[in-house]
């Protein structure tokens, strides 16, 4: 629920921040309108100019690529005409045909400025000139080429940027692949026309231009790019559903994308530009407005201080008097005010007089309450009185020759002494072990040879701290429920360390748990386990484990696990 600032904050604060907020809103509106207007104009101009440039690049690129495709079509037809003669005539005639095929392909390479080489894949054992631009390979090698899937199901395709081996070195190329068919429309050879990446990039981006431009094929697959490849890949993904139009632009986050398609929609050029670079001037203008706004707010602050100083002076007198008020001390307030401030001062004087009267009344009430508390404390039972009383009963049992009762009373006295002597919620493991051992000895008197118990406590954990009287409820449940009606009882307590955790396991050979023990309603009891869980929640939050389950053969297995050095609020021990 919003509060009324005139009822909550100082007048100076409301005056200053109210004026500052109005000025800031006005300046913000001016900045927003100015930035929006200039940004839209910049976006329109940039999109228009970049689309014109991309269209020019597209025309030049289309001319070159169509020339490559036409040359490949002519070369494939000539290759098919000559290939049929390779199986005719003698060895000399076949060598002559091979030489003619190589010469025609060399002529295609030398006659096309951007073409770097031609690779021919066929089953005929051509001899290759390692120094020449035309290389013959076995058709079976196609399966080893990474780009083969791009041409597998089509007659011709442009292959994205890849690496070939040329003159004992690796060359990055972009290729056009065309299949060769015979008169029976059977595919028997593949011709790959390779263009150097550097020559290809000159078609879409001059060397002196540092723009981020990418070339996509009709399936929007990246063929090559100049500039930031990762940025252009993101641009291609972002524009995937937008590039149905011949050209356009789109702003995505901090980047601005422009695209233009070739006239036959076979190629698409996209350019990515930083929006921050484009709008640098607009942001600088916005910074000037912000500086002017900050200066105006500062002037408002100075004027506010000047106008409110005298108005707030009597209020500050009253506020200081209220802040420094100490019962019994006299305070000096101005007495020359006869307006509303004078009435406030007079009301405050009456208020302090009433407070003094209340303080005197509270002091008297406190004195009486203290006397009543002292009388109540004198009536409380002293723990030593309880120990002495148990000792007297023990001596009477000894005199009556009731050794079992005497032993049980001694163990009960030991349990009370350990429970009441230390008021801390955390005790050393050895003290907790001594407490449960008193209880087990108490039960041993009753069970005699029918009870066997083991306390297995590792030496290095005896000094560590654990919650007080935490194990007794589990052991008491074993006797109350697990061993009820049994003649033989076995119980084992194992306390050890794992890394920075204290682990406790309690096992018995009793009846075990019923399937509905957690949901079964109880007429009484169940407070001990609930108390242990609530204390563990308080000490360790969710950083502990408390599991109660049936053993593998019989009885119940209890597993407790909590950190030793993990909770800084528990001190050094835990």
Protein backbone atom coordinates (compact mmCIF):
# COMPACT_ATOMS: atom_id res chain seq x y z
CA UNK A 1 0.00 0.00 0.00
CA UNK A 2 1.43 3.38 -1.03
CA UNK A 3 1.95 5.95 1.71
CA UNK A 4 1.34 9.68 1.45
CA UNK A 5 4.83 11.25 1.10
CA UNK A 6 3.60 14.47 2.73
CA UNK A 7 2.84 12.44 5.87
CA UNK A 8 6.00 10.30 5.75
CA UNK A 9 9.04 12.28 4.57
CA UNK A 10 10.60 15.59 5.44
CA UNK A 11 9.18 18.61 3.66
CA UNK A 12 12.59 19.46 2.19
CA UNK A 13 12.89 15.94 0.80
CA UNK A 14 9.39 15.96 -0.71
CA UNK A 15 9.95 19.41 -2.21
CA UNK A 16 13.31 18.52 -3.71
CA UNK A 17 12.45 15.06 -5.07
CA UNK A 18 9.06 16.23 -6.35
CA UNK A 19 10.67 19.02 -8.38
CA UNK A 20 13.53 16.78 -9.47
CA UNK A 21 11.08 14.07 -10.58
CA UNK A 22 9.05 16.48 -12.71
CA UNK A 23 12.19 17.88 -14.35
CA UNK A 24 13.61 14.38 -14.87
CA UNK A 25 10.36 13.21 -16.49
CA UNK A 26 10.32 16.17 -18.86
CA UNK A 27 13.96 15.70 -19.81
CA UNK A 28 13.40 11.93 -20.16
CA UNK A 29 10.48 12.48 -22.51
CA UNK A 30 12.55 14.90 -24.61
CA UNK A 31 15.49 12.45 -24.71
CA UNK A 32 13.23 9.51 -25.58
CA UNK A 33 11.46 11.37 -28.39
CA UNK A 34 14.72 12.75 -29.74
CA UNK A 35 16.50 9.41 -29.58
CA UNK A 36 13.55 7.56 -31.11
CA UNK A 37 13.25 10.04 -33.97
CA UNK A 38 16.97 10.12 -34.79
CA UNK A 39 17.27 6.32 -34.44
CA UNK A 40 14.43 5.74 -36.88
CA UNK A 41 15.98 8.18 -39.35
CA UNK A 42 19.38 6.52 -38.99
CA UNK A 43 17.81 3.08 -39.41
CA UNK A 44 15.96 4.17 -42.56
CA UNK A 45 19.01 5.84 -44.13
CA UNK A 46 21.35 2.98 -43.26
CA UNK A 47 18.93 0.35 -44.52
CA UNK A 48 18.41 2.24 -47.80
CA UNK A 49 22.12 2.78 -48.48
CA UNK A 50 23.16 -0.74 -47.47
CA UNK A 51 20.42 -2.32 -49.61
CA UNK A 52 21.58 -0.31 -52.62
CA UNK A 53 25.16 -1.44 -51.99
CA UNK A 54 24.14 -5.08 -51.52
CA UNK A 55 22.11 -4.95 -54.73
CA UNK A 56 25.19 -3.75 -56.62
CA UNK A 57 27.26 -6.53 -55.05
CA UNK A 58 24.49 -8.99 -55.92
CA UNK A 59 24.48 -7.97 -59.59
CA UNK A 60 28.26 -8.33 -59.85
CA UNK A 61 28.15 -11.62 -57.99
CA UNK A 62 25.28 -12.96 -60.06
CA UNK A 63 27.16 -12.21 -63.27
CA UNK A 64 30.26 -14.06 -62.07
CA UNK A 65 28.40 -17.05 -60.66
CA UNK A 66 26.13 -17.45 -63.67
CA UNK A 67 29.29 -17.41 -65.79
CA UNK A 68 30.74 -20.24 -63.69
CA UNK A 69 27.53 -22.26 -63.97
CA UNK A 70 27.35 -21.75 -67.75
CA UNK A 71 31.00 -22.67 -68.15
CA UNK A 72 30.45 -25.81 -66.06
CA UNK A 73 27.46 -26.80 -68.23
CA UNK A 74 29.49 -26.39 -71.43
CA UNK A 75 32.46 -28.23 -69.93
CA UNK A 76 30.22 -31.11 -68.83
CA UNK A 77 28.73 -31.49 -72.33
CA UNK A 78 32.18 -31.44 -74.00
CA UNK A 79 33.47 -33.91 -71.40
CA UNK A 80 30.58 -36.28 -72.16
CA UNK A 81 31.24 -36.07 -75.94
CA UNK A 82 34.89 -36.92 -75.52
CA UNK A 83 34.47 -39.43 -72.67
CA UNK A 84 32.69 -41.87 -74.99
CA UNK A 85 35.81 -42.02 -77.22
CA UNK A 86 38.02 -43.14 -74.33
CA UNK A 87 36.86 -46.72 -74.81
CA UNK A 88 37.48 -46.66 -78.57
CA UNK A 89 40.67 -46.97 -80.55
CA UNK A 90 44.16 -47.91 -79.47
CA UNK A 91 46.24 -46.59 -76.53
CA UNK A 92 47.53 -43.68 -78.59
CA UNK A 93 44.00 -42.59 -79.46
CA UNK A 94 42.91 -42.82 -75.77
CA UNK A 95 45.92 -40.75 -74.69
CA UNK A 96 45.06 -38.16 -77.31
CA UNK A 97 41.43 -37.95 -76.06
CA UNK A 98 42.65 -37.60 -72.45
CA UNK A 99 44.93 -34.75 -73.52
CA UNK A 100 42.06 -33.07 -75.39
CA UNK A 101 39.80 -33.32 -72.31
CA UNK A 102 42.53 -31.85 -70.11
CA UNK A 103 43.21 -29.03 -72.61
CA UNK A 104 39.54 -28.07 -72.79
CA UNK A 105 39.26 -27.96 -69.01
CA UNK A 106 42.50 -25.98 -68.74
CA UNK A 107 41.06 -23.51 -71.25
CA UNK A 108 37.98 -23.12 -69.01
CA UNK A 109 40.20 -22.38 -65.98
CA UNK A 110 42.48 -19.95 -67.82
CA UNK A 111 39.50 -18.26 -69.49
CA UNK A 112 37.69 -17.56 -66.21
CA UNK A 113 39.56 -15.08 -64.03
CA UNK A 114 38.17 -16.14 -60.66
CA UNK A 115 38.40 -19.89 -61.32
CA UNK A 116 41.30 -21.57 -59.49
CA UNK A 117 41.05 -25.24 -60.51
CA UNK A 118 38.77 -28.08 -61.67
CA UNK A 119 38.54 -31.48 -59.97
CA UNK A 120 37.04 -34.34 -61.98
CA UNK A 121 35.77 -37.51 -60.28
CA UNK A 122 35.19 -40.55 -62.54
CA UNK A 123 35.92 -44.27 -62.76
CA UNK A 124 38.21 -43.85 -65.76
CA UNK A 125 41.92 -43.97 -64.80
CA UNK A 126 42.95 -40.52 -66.01
CA UNK A 127 46.54 -39.42 -65.60
CA UNK A 128 46.82 -36.09 -63.75
CA UNK A 129 49.28 -33.26 -64.10
CA UNK A 130 50.13 -32.35 -60.51
CA UNK A 131 51.28 -28.88 -61.60
CA UNK A 132 48.21 -28.12 -63.70
CA UNK A 133 44.85 -26.67 -62.62
CA UNK A 134 42.91 -29.81 -63.61
CA UNK A 135 42.98 -32.85 -61.31
CA UNK A 136 41.38 -36.27 -61.94
CA UNK A 137 40.25 -38.45 -59.02
CA UNK A 138 38.51 -41.78 -58.63
CA UNK A 139 34.74 -41.58 -58.23
CA UNK A 140 35.00 -43.63 -55.04
CA UNK A 141 36.84 -40.75 -53.31
CA UNK A 142 33.63 -38.75 -53.20
CA UNK A 143 32.56 -40.63 -50.07
CA UNK A 144 35.58 -39.14 -48.29
CA UNK A 145 34.70 -35.55 -49.14
CA UNK A 146 32.92 -33.61 -46.38
CA UNK A 147 30.80 -31.70 -48.87
CA UNK A 148 29.49 -34.77 -50.76
CA UNK A 149 26.09 -34.73 -49.00
CA UNK A 150 25.41 -31.29 -50.55
CA UNK A 151 25.54 -32.75 -54.10
CA UNK A 152 24.31 -36.30 -53.43
CA UNK A 153 20.64 -35.66 -54.26
CA UNK A 154 20.94 -32.89 -56.86
CA UNK A 155 22.45 -32.40 -60.31
CA UNK A 156 24.43 -29.27 -59.38
CA UNK A 157 25.06 -27.23 -56.26
CA UNK A 158 27.29 -24.57 -54.77
CA UNK A 159 29.49 -25.95 -52.00
CA UNK A 160 30.31 -23.83 -48.94
CA UNK A 161 33.84 -22.78 -48.08
CA UNK A 162 36.18 -25.79 -47.69
CA UNK A 163 39.85 -26.72 -48.10
CA UNK A 164 41.53 -28.53 -51.02
CA UNK A 165 45.11 -29.62 -51.66
CA UNK A 166 46.75 -27.65 -54.45
CA UNK A 167 50.46 -27.57 -55.36
CA UNK A 168 51.47 -29.20 -52.07
CA UNK A 169 49.54 -26.70 -49.95
CA UNK A 170 46.04 -26.23 -48.59
CA UNK A 171 43.76 -23.73 -50.31
CA UNK A 172 40.41 -22.38 -49.03
CA UNK A 173 37.93 -22.48 -51.91
CA UNK A 174 34.24 -22.22 -52.75
CA UNK A 175 33.14 -24.71 -55.36
CA UNK A 176 30.40 -25.39 -57.87
CA UNK A 177 29.75 -29.10 -58.41
CA UNK A 178 27.97 -30.49 -61.49
CA UNK A 179 27.16 -34.11 -62.29
CA UNK A 180 27.85 -35.48 -65.78
CA UNK A 181 25.22 -37.76 -67.36
CA UNK A 182 25.44 -39.96 -70.47
CA UNK A 183 22.80 -40.37 -73.18
CA UNK A 184 20.98 -42.90 -70.99
CA UNK A 185 20.70 -40.23 -68.27
CA UNK A 186 23.09 -42.18 -66.07
CA UNK A 187 25.37 -40.24 -63.74
CA UNK A 188 28.98 -41.36 -64.15
CA UNK A 189 31.18 -38.39 -63.32
CA UNK A 190 31.32 -35.26 -61.15
CA UNK A 191 33.07 -31.99 -62.04
CA UNK A 192 33.96 -29.53 -59.25
CA UNK A 193 34.90 -25.96 -60.22
CA UNK A 194 36.95 -24.33 -57.42
CA UNK A 195 37.18 -20.59 -56.77
CA UNK A 196 39.68 -19.12 -54.31
CA UNK A 197 37.94 -17.68 -51.27
CA UNK A 198 39.95 -14.47 -51.59
CA UNK A 199 38.75 -14.01 -55.21
CA UNK A 200 35.18 -14.83 -54.22
CA UNK A 201 35.18 -12.38 -51.32
CA UNK A 202 36.30 -9.57 -53.61
CA UNK A 203 32.97 -9.98 -55.37
CA UNK A 204 30.96 -9.23 -52.22
CA UNK A 205 33.31 -6.94 -50.29
CA UNK A 206 36.19 -4.78 -51.58
CA UNK A 207 39.49 -5.16 -49.69
CA UNK A 208 39.28 -1.69 -48.15
CA UNK A 209 35.76 -2.37 -46.81
CA UNK A 210 35.62 -3.79 -43.25
CA UNK A 211 31.90 -4.65 -43.43
CA UNK A 212 30.43 -7.94 -42.16
CA UNK A 213 28.84 -9.43 -45.31
CA UNK A 214 27.79 -13.04 -45.91
CA UNK A 215 26.60 -14.94 -48.99
CA UNK A 216 23.75 -17.46 -48.59
CA UNK A 217 22.42 -19.88 -51.17
CA UNK A 218 18.74 -20.48 -52.00
CA UNK A 219 18.41 -22.71 -48.90
CA UNK A 220 19.86 -19.93 -46.70
CA UNK A 221 23.05 -21.96 -46.16
CA UNK A 222 26.17 -19.90 -45.54
CA UNK A 223 28.53 -20.14 -48.53
CA UNK A 224 31.18 -17.60 -47.50
CA UNK A 225 31.57 -14.34 -45.63
CA UNK A 226 33.84 -11.42 -44.92
CA UNK A 227 34.21 -10.05 -41.41
CA UNK A 228 32.85 -11.65 -38.22
CA UNK A 229 31.67 -15.18 -39.12
CA UNK A 230 29.99 -15.86 -35.78
CA UNK A 231 28.00 -12.63 -35.99
CA UNK A 232 26.90 -13.44 -39.55
CA UNK A 233 25.85 -16.97 -38.55
CA UNK A 234 23.65 -15.43 -35.85
CA UNK A 235 22.27 -13.01 -38.42
CA UNK A 236 21.40 -15.85 -40.81
CA UNK A 237 19.54 -17.65 -38.02
CA UNK A 238 17.69 -14.50 -36.95
CA UNK A 239 16.64 -13.66 -40.54
CA UNK A 240 15.61 -17.21 -41.46
CA UNK A 241 11.90 -16.41 -41.37
CA UNK A 242 12.26 -12.83 -42.64
CA UNK A 243 14.09 -13.29 -45.95
CA UNK A 244 11.04 -14.22 -48.01
CA UNK A 245 10.99 -10.60 -49.20
CA UNK A 246 13.54 -9.55 -51.85
CA UNK A 247 15.20 -7.11 -49.45
CA UNK A 248 14.72 -5.58 -46.03
CA UNK A 249 16.26 -4.82 -42.66
CA UNK A 250 15.82 -5.98 -39.07
CA UNK A 251 17.22 -4.89 -35.72
CA UNK A 252 18.00 -7.72 -33.28
CA UNK A 253 19.44 -6.68 -29.90
CA UNK A 254 22.69 -4.75 -30.36
CA UNK A 255 22.93 -5.57 -34.12
CA UNK A 256 21.28 -4.29 -37.30
CA UNK A 257 20.83 -6.68 -40.26
CA UNK A 258 20.17 -5.83 -43.94
CA UNK A 259 19.61 -8.35 -46.74
CA UNK A 260 19.15 -8.33 -50.52
CA UNK A 261 18.38 -11.23 -52.87
CA UNK A 262 19.65 -11.74 -56.41
CA UNK A 263 17.09 -11.21 -59.21
CA UNK A 264 16.52 -14.97 -59.56
CA UNK A 265 16.44 -15.41 -55.70
CA UNK A 266 19.26 -17.94 -55.94
CA UNK A 267 21.59 -15.88 -53.72
CA UNK A 268 21.12 -13.68 -50.69
CA UNK A 269 23.60 -11.15 -49.32
CA UNK A 270 23.27 -10.09 -45.69
CA UNK A 271 25.19 -7.39 -43.86
CA UNK A 272 25.46 -7.02 -40.07
CA UNK A 273 26.24 -3.67 -38.43
CA UNK A 274 26.59 -2.69 -34.79
CA UNK A 275 23.57 -0.70 -33.68
CA UNK A 276 25.70 1.05 -31.07
CA UNK A 277 28.06 2.34 -33.76
CA UNK A 278 25.12 3.50 -35.88
CA UNK A 279 23.48 5.42 -33.03
CA UNK A 280 26.63 6.83 -31.47
CA UNK A 281 25.66 10.40 -32.39
CA UNK A 282 22.16 9.98 -30.96
CA UNK A 283 23.55 8.65 -27.71
CA UNK A 284 25.96 11.58 -27.47
CA UNK A 285 23.02 13.96 -27.93
CA UNK A 286 21.11 12.09 -25.22
CA UNK A 287 24.15 12.46 -22.96
CA UNK A 288 24.04 16.25 -23.46
CA UNK A 289 20.36 16.28 -22.42
CA UNK A 290 21.16 14.15 -19.37
CA UNK A 291 23.94 16.54 -18.37
CA UNK A 292 21.55 19.47 -18.73
CA UNK A 293 18.96 17.62 -16.63
CA UNK A 294 21.48 16.86 -13.88
CA UNK A 295 22.53 20.53 -13.83
CA UNK A 296 18.89 21.63 -13.59
CA UNK A 297 18.22 19.21 -10.73
CA UNK A 298 21.26 20.55 -8.89
CA UNK A 299 19.95 24.11 -9.26
CA UNK A 300 16.55 22.97 -7.95
CA UNK A 301 18.29 21.42 -4.97
CA UNK A 302 20.12 24.67 -4.15
CA UNK A 303 16.94 26.74 -4.49
CA UNK A 304 15.07 24.26 -2.31
CA UNK A 305 17.69 24.50 0.42
CA UNK A 306 17.62 28.30 0.26
CA UNK A 307 13.81 28.58 0.46
CA UNK A 308 13.25 25.86 3.04
CA UNK A 309 16.04 26.79 5.49
CA UNK A 310 14.09 29.30 7.52
CA UNK A 311 10.83 27.41 7.14
CA UNK A 312 12.38 24.23 8.53
CA UNK A 313 14.43 25.90 11.29
CA UNK A 314 11.73 25.69 14.02
CA UNK A 315 10.86 22.16 12.94
CA UNK A 316 14.52 21.17 13.33
CA UNK A 317 14.51 22.66 16.83
CA UNK A 318 11.60 20.44 17.76
CA UNK A 319 13.08 17.34 16.06
CA UNK A 320 16.43 17.81 17.83
CA UNK A 321 14.68 18.22 21.18
CA UNK A 322 12.72 15.01 20.60
CA UNK A 323 15.85 13.12 19.51
CA UNK A 324 17.90 14.26 22.52
CA UNK A 325 15.17 13.82 25.14
CA UNK A 326 16.32 12.12 28.38
CA UNK A 327 13.87 11.71 31.25
CA UNK A 328 14.65 14.07 34.12
CA UNK A 329 16.64 16.60 32.05
CA UNK A 330 15.33 20.08 31.22
CA UNK A 331 15.18 21.15 27.54
CA UNK A 332 15.32 24.68 26.11
CA UNK A 333 12.88 25.45 23.27
CA UNK A 334 12.30 28.84 21.55
CA UNK A 335 9.62 30.88 23.34
CA UNK A 336 9.25 33.74 20.78
CA UNK A 337 6.99 31.83 18.35
CA UNK A 338 3.29 32.73 18.52
CA UNK A 339 2.07 30.90 15.40
CA UNK A 340 1.55 27.17 14.74
CA UNK A 341 5.18 26.44 15.73
CA UNK A 342 4.60 28.11 19.11
CA UNK A 343 1.62 25.83 19.74
CA UNK A 344 3.73 22.81 18.75
CA UNK A 345 6.44 23.79 21.26
CA UNK A 346 3.82 24.28 24.01
CA UNK A 347 2.27 20.88 23.23
CA UNK A 348 5.70 19.21 23.34
CA UNK A 349 6.39 20.72 26.80
CA UNK A 350 3.12 19.29 28.12
CA UNK A 351 3.94 15.94 26.55
CA UNK A 352 7.37 15.70 28.20
CA UNK A 353 5.82 16.61 31.56
CA UNK A 354 3.35 13.73 31.17
CA UNK A 355 6.19 11.36 30.21
CA UNK A 356 8.04 12.23 33.40
CA UNK A 357 4.96 11.31 35.43
CA UNK A 358 4.67 7.98 33.58
CA UNK A 359 8.37 7.19 34.18
CA UNK A 360 7.90 7.69 37.93
CA UNK A 361 4.91 5.33 37.82
CA UNK A 362 6.87 2.68 35.87
CA UNK A 363 9.81 2.81 38.29
CA UNK A 364 7.49 2.07 41.20
CA UNK A 365 5.79 -0.73 39.25
CA UNK A 366 9.16 -2.26 38.30
CA UNK A 367 10.30 -2.23 41.93
CA UNK A 368 7.23 -4.14 43.01
CA UNK A 369 7.53 -6.64 40.15
CA UNK A 370 11.17 -7.30 41.03
CA UNK A 371 10.27 -8.08 44.61
CA UNK A 372 7.65 -10.59 43.42
CA UNK A 373 10.16 -12.29 41.09
CA UNK A 374 12.69 -12.67 43.90
CA UNK A 375 10.09 -14.32 46.07
CA UNK A 376 9.18 -16.68 43.19
CA UNK A 377 12.83 -17.60 42.59
CA UNK A 378 13.28 -18.51 46.24
CA UNK A 379 10.51 -21.10 45.87
CA UNK A 380 12.07 -22.83 42.82
CA UNK A 381 13.65 -26.28 43.29
CA UNK A 382 17.45 -26.21 43.23
CA UNK A 383 18.95 -28.99 41.07
CA UNK A 384 21.26 -29.88 43.96
CA UNK A 385 18.19 -30.52 46.08
CA UNK A 386 17.10 -33.10 43.47
CA UNK A 387 20.54 -34.79 43.48
CA UNK A 388 20.61 -34.88 47.30
CA UNK A 389 17.10 -36.32 47.44
CA UNK A 390 18.02 -39.12 44.99
CA UNK A 391 21.14 -39.84 47.07
CA UNK A 392 19.00 -40.16 50.23
CA UNK A 393 16.68 -42.61 48.48
CA UNK A 394 19.71 -44.51 47.20
CA UNK A 395 21.10 -44.90 50.73
CA UNK A 396 17.75 -46.19 51.92
CA UNK A 397 17.81 -48.81 49.12
CA UNK A 398 21.35 -49.83 50.14
CA UNK A 399 20.33 -50.18 53.79
CA UNK A 400 17.35 -52.28 52.66
CA UNK A 401 19.78 -54.42 50.61
CA UNK A 402 17.98 -53.55 47.33
CA UNK A 403 21.09 -53.48 45.14
CA UNK A 404 19.20 -53.34 41.84
CA UNK A 405 17.11 -50.37 42.97
CA UNK A 406 20.28 -48.72 44.28
CA UNK A 407 22.05 -49.21 40.94
CA UNK A 408 19.07 -47.90 38.99
CA UNK A 409 18.78 -44.84 41.24
CA UNK A 410 22.51 -44.15 40.79
CA UNK A 411 22.15 -44.27 37.00
CA UNK A 412 19.05 -42.03 37.09
CA UNK A 413 20.96 -39.55 39.27
CA UNK A 414 23.79 -39.61 36.74
CA UNK A 415 21.37 -38.92 33.90
CA UNK A 416 19.85 -35.93 35.74
CA UNK A 417 23.26 -34.62 36.67
CA UNK A 418 24.44 -34.72 33.02
CA UNK A 419 21.15 -33.25 31.78
CA UNK A 420 20.95 -30.39 34.28
CA UNK A 421 24.60 -29.52 34.85
CA UNK A 422 25.17 -28.10 31.34
CA UNK A 423 22.60 -25.56 30.11
CA UNK A 424 24.09 -25.29 26.60
CA UNK A 425 22.11 -26.69 23.66
CA UNK A 426 25.31 -28.26 22.26
CA UNK A 427 27.49 -30.67 24.26
CA UNK A 428 30.58 -32.78 23.44
CA UNK A 429 29.93 -36.22 21.96
CA UNK A 430 31.57 -37.86 24.99
CA UNK A 431 29.05 -36.16 27.35
CA UNK A 432 26.09 -37.28 25.22
CA UNK A 433 27.55 -40.80 25.14
CA UNK A 434 27.87 -40.79 28.94
CA UNK A 435 24.22 -39.77 29.22
CA UNK A 436 22.90 -42.62 27.06
CA UNK A 437 25.27 -45.07 28.75
CA UNK A 438 23.63 -44.21 32.10
CA UNK A 439 20.27 -45.02 30.51
CA UNK A 440 21.58 -48.32 29.09
CA UNK A 441 23.04 -49.31 32.44
CA UNK A 442 19.67 -48.49 34.00
CA UNK A 443 18.02 -50.88 31.50
CA UNK A 444 20.75 -53.47 32.02
CA UNK A 445 19.71 -53.83 35.67
CA UNK A 446 16.23 -54.72 34.51
CA UNK A 447 17.14 -56.95 31.54
CA UNK A 448 20.28 -58.51 33.09
CA UNK A 449 21.75 -60.98 30.57
CA UNK A 450 18.88 -60.39 28.13
CA UNK A 451 20.35 -57.03 27.03
CA UNK A 452 23.53 -56.61 25.01
CA UNK A 453 24.64 -53.14 23.90
CA UNK A 454 27.69 -51.62 22.22
CA UNK A 455 28.86 -48.00 22.18
CA UNK A 456 31.30 -47.66 19.27
CA UNK A 457 32.59 -44.09 19.28
CA UNK A 458 35.68 -43.06 17.33
CA UNK A 459 38.23 -41.28 19.47
CA UNK A 460 38.62 -38.21 17.22
CA UNK A 461 34.91 -37.26 17.45
CA UNK A 462 34.51 -37.34 21.24
CA UNK A 463 35.48 -33.65 21.51
CA UNK A 464 33.09 -32.53 18.75
CA UNK A 465 29.77 -30.89 19.61
CA UNK A 466 26.31 -32.28 18.98
CA UNK A 467 22.73 -31.39 20.09
CA UNK A 468 22.08 -32.26 23.73
CA UNK A 469 19.92 -35.30 24.65
CA UNK A 470 19.43 -36.14 20.97
CA UNK A 471 20.06 -39.92 21.09
CA UNK A 472 17.90 -40.84 24.11
CA UNK A 473 14.51 -40.65 22.22
CA UNK A 474 15.70 -43.21 19.62
CA UNK A 475 17.11 -45.60 22.25
CA UNK A 476 14.07 -45.15 24.48
CA UNK A 477 11.78 -46.02 21.51
CA UNK A 478 13.76 -49.22 20.96
CA UNK A 479 12.99 -50.35 24.53
CA UNK A 480 9.40 -49.07 24.58
CA UNK A 481 8.33 -50.46 21.19
CA UNK A 482 11.02 -52.59 19.56
CA UNK A 483 11.92 -54.79 22.57
CA UNK A 484 8.41 -54.94 24.03
CA UNK A 485 7.68 -58.59 24.91
CA UNK A 486 11.17 -59.76 23.79
CA UNK A 487 13.57 -61.79 25.90
CA UNK A 488 16.76 -60.90 24.11
CA UNK A 489 17.68 -57.37 23.06
CA UNK A 490 20.70 -56.14 21.13
CA UNK A 491 21.50 -52.46 20.52
CA UNK A 492 24.48 -50.80 18.87
CA UNK A 493 25.43 -47.10 18.69
CA UNK A 494 28.16 -46.12 16.21
CA UNK A 495 29.42 -42.49 16.08
CA UNK A 496 32.11 -41.55 13.54
CA UNK A 497 33.33 -38.78 11.20
CA UNK A 498 33.19 -38.59 7.40
CA UNK A 499 34.96 -35.52 6.03
CA UNK A 500 33.30 -32.55 7.81
CA UNK A 501 30.21 -34.45 8.89
CA UNK A 502 29.31 -36.29 12.09
CA UNK A 503 27.47 -39.55 11.43
CA UNK A 504 25.50 -41.59 13.95
CA UNK A 505 23.99 -45.04 13.40
CA UNK A 506 21.69 -46.75 15.93
CA UNK A 507 20.58 -50.33 15.20
CA UNK A 508 18.56 -52.87 17.18
CA UNK A 509 17.06 -56.32 16.68
CA UNK A 510 13.55 -55.42 17.79
CA UNK A 511 10.21 -55.82 16.07
CA UNK A 512 10.83 -53.15 13.45
CA UNK A 513 8.51 -50.48 12.11
CA UNK A 514 5.00 -51.02 10.82
CA UNK A 515 4.26 -49.82 7.28
CA UNK A 516 2.02 -47.01 8.52
CA UNK A 517 4.16 -45.95 11.49
CA UNK A 518 4.54 -42.39 10.19
CA UNK A 519 0.83 -41.78 9.48
CA UNK A 520 -0.68 -43.89 12.25
CA UNK A 521 -2.38 -41.63 14.84
CA UNK A 522 -0.96 -41.78 18.36
CA UNK A 523 -2.86 -41.36 21.57
CA UNK A 524 0.33 -40.31 23.33
CA UNK A 525 4.05 -40.05 22.71
CA UNK A 526 5.97 -39.08 19.58
CA UNK A 527 7.23 -35.84 21.13
CA UNK A 528 10.85 -37.00 21.46
CA UNK A 529 11.47 -37.61 17.74
CA UNK A 530 9.58 -34.46 16.78
CA UNK A 531 11.70 -32.47 19.25
CA UNK A 532 14.92 -33.89 17.77
CA UNK A 533 13.83 -33.00 14.23
CA UNK A 534 12.81 -29.46 15.21
CA UNK A 535 16.18 -28.87 16.90
CA UNK A 536 18.07 -30.20 13.86
CA UNK A 537 16.01 -27.90 11.61
CA UNK A 538 16.89 -24.94 13.82
CA UNK A 539 20.62 -25.75 13.98
CA UNK A 540 21.33 -26.96 10.45
CA UNK A 541 18.38 -25.98 8.23
CA UNK A 542 18.27 -28.48 5.34
CA UNK A 543 21.91 -29.53 5.79
CA UNK A 544 21.25 -32.69 7.80
CA UNK A 545 19.94 -36.24 7.32
CA UNK A 546 17.59 -38.10 9.68
CA UNK A 547 16.48 -41.52 8.44
CA UNK A 548 14.50 -44.18 10.35
CA UNK A 549 13.93 -47.47 8.55
CA UNK A 550 13.69 -51.20 9.12
CA UNK A 551 16.93 -53.15 9.19
CA UNK A 552 17.92 -55.65 6.49
CA UNK A 553 17.08 -58.66 8.72
CA UNK A 554 15.15 -57.28 11.68
CA UNK A 555 14.85 -54.32 13.98
CA UNK A 556 15.21 -50.63 13.20
CA UNK A 557 18.12 -48.65 11.75
CA UNK A 558 18.46 -44.93 12.57
CA UNK A 559 20.93 -42.80 10.61
CA UNK A 560 21.79 -39.21 11.59
CA UNK A 561 24.17 -37.00 9.64
CA UNK A 562 24.96 -33.29 10.12
CA UNK A 563 27.91 -30.93 9.50
CA UNK A 564 30.62 -30.26 12.09
CA UNK A 565 32.22 -27.08 10.70
CA UNK A 566 29.54 -25.83 8.33
CA UNK A 567 27.34 -23.48 10.42
CA UNK A 568 29.37 -20.46 11.63
CA UNK A 569 26.67 -19.46 14.14
CA UNK A 570 27.43 -22.57 16.18
CA UNK A 571 31.03 -21.68 17.01
CA UNK A 572 34.20 -23.66 16.38
CA UNK A 573 32.85 -27.08 17.39
CA UNK A 574 30.06 -27.36 14.86
